[in-house]
Protein backbone atom coordinates (compact mmCIF):
# COMPACT_ATOMS: atom_id res chain seq x y z
CA MET A 1 88.80 118.29 98.19
CA SER A 2 86.54 114.97 97.36
CA LYS A 3 83.13 115.39 95.95
CA VAL A 4 80.65 113.55 98.31
CA ILE A 5 78.37 111.04 96.49
CA THR A 6 75.71 108.96 97.59
CA GLN A 7 75.80 104.44 97.23
CA ARG A 8 73.06 105.10 94.90
CA GLU A 9 74.91 107.99 92.55
CA LEU A 10 77.79 105.35 92.82
CA ARG A 11 75.78 102.36 91.44
CA ASN A 12 73.80 104.52 88.78
CA ASP A 13 76.46 106.85 87.35
CA SER A 14 79.40 104.34 87.74
CA GLY A 15 80.76 105.05 84.39
CA ASP A 16 80.92 108.66 84.63
CA ILE A 17 82.35 108.39 88.35
CA MET A 18 85.17 105.79 86.69
CA ARG A 19 85.97 108.30 83.96
CA ARG A 20 86.13 111.16 86.46
CA LEU A 21 88.60 109.36 88.73
CA ASP A 22 90.57 108.45 85.77
CA GLY A 23 90.73 112.31 85.15
CA GLY A 24 92.05 112.79 88.80
CA GLU A 25 88.96 113.67 90.85
CA SER A 26 88.25 111.64 94.20
CA PHE A 27 84.96 111.13 95.92
CA VAL A 28 83.53 110.25 99.34
CA VAL A 29 80.51 107.72 99.19
CA THR A 30 77.82 108.00 101.81
CA ARG A 31 75.10 105.67 102.87
CA ASN A 32 71.78 107.25 104.27
CA GLY A 33 74.19 110.35 104.67
CA VAL A 34 76.96 108.71 106.64
CA PRO A 35 80.45 108.55 104.85
CA VAL A 36 81.25 104.71 104.08
CA GLY A 37 84.20 105.01 101.71
CA GLU A 38 86.75 107.01 99.58
CA LEU A 39 87.28 106.54 96.22
CA LEU A 40 90.77 108.00 95.12
CA PRO A 41 92.52 107.79 91.82
CA LEU A 42 95.60 105.56 91.53
CA ARG A 43 99.15 107.20 90.53
CA ARG A 44 100.24 106.68 87.38
CA HIS A 45 103.67 105.06 86.68
CA ARG A 46 104.85 107.12 83.74
CA PHE A 47 107.11 105.75 81.03
CA VAL A 48 110.31 107.88 80.63
CA ALA A 49 112.48 107.17 77.36
CA ALA A 50 115.80 105.86 77.54
CA GLU A 51 117.05 108.86 75.58
CA THR A 52 115.31 111.45 78.33
CA ALA A 53 117.13 109.45 81.40
CA VAL A 54 120.46 109.45 79.69
CA ALA A 55 120.29 113.18 78.90
CA MET A 56 119.20 113.72 82.64
CA PHE A 57 122.23 111.88 84.08
CA ARG A 58 124.88 113.72 81.74
CA THR A 59 124.16 116.97 83.72
CA ALA A 60 124.09 115.19 87.16
CA PRO A 61 126.99 115.67 89.41
CA ARG A 62 129.85 112.99 89.54
CA VAL A 63 129.60 110.61 92.30
CA ASP A 64 132.96 110.07 94.27
CA TYR A 65 132.87 106.57 95.07
CA GLU A 66 135.42 106.78 97.92
CA ARG A 67 133.60 109.36 99.74
CA PHE A 68 130.12 107.91 98.88
CA ARG A 69 131.48 104.56 100.34
CA GLU A 70 133.13 106.40 103.31
CA ASP A 71 129.40 108.01 104.04
CA LEU A 72 127.47 104.72 103.72
CA ASP A 73 130.08 103.30 106.05
CA SER A 74 129.50 105.68 108.92
CA ALA A 75 125.92 105.59 108.51
CA ALA A 76 125.46 101.66 108.62
CA SER A 77 127.74 99.08 110.29
CA GLN A 78 128.91 96.37 108.09
CA ASP A 79 129.03 94.07 111.00
CA PRO A 80 127.62 91.01 109.80
CA THR A 81 127.17 89.48 113.52
CA PRO A 82 123.21 90.08 114.44
CA ARG A 83 122.20 92.33 116.92
CA ALA A 84 120.47 91.04 120.17
């Protein structure tokens, strides 16, 4: 649920609001009681160590290349001719 703040609050408390955005909160900004915008936190890309990724793939099921290729070919045409 977004917290409603006024344009004045955004101007006067921008530092606090930015910290709260960084913490995951979202805001709807109003001017004269009318909503005019929304502030949402951006999703952060999280770094995964190579060792962690390798460990996860060790337990993943094996991929049968021939079956995978057949599935792809049945789902997508390999004809290079442009469609009309």
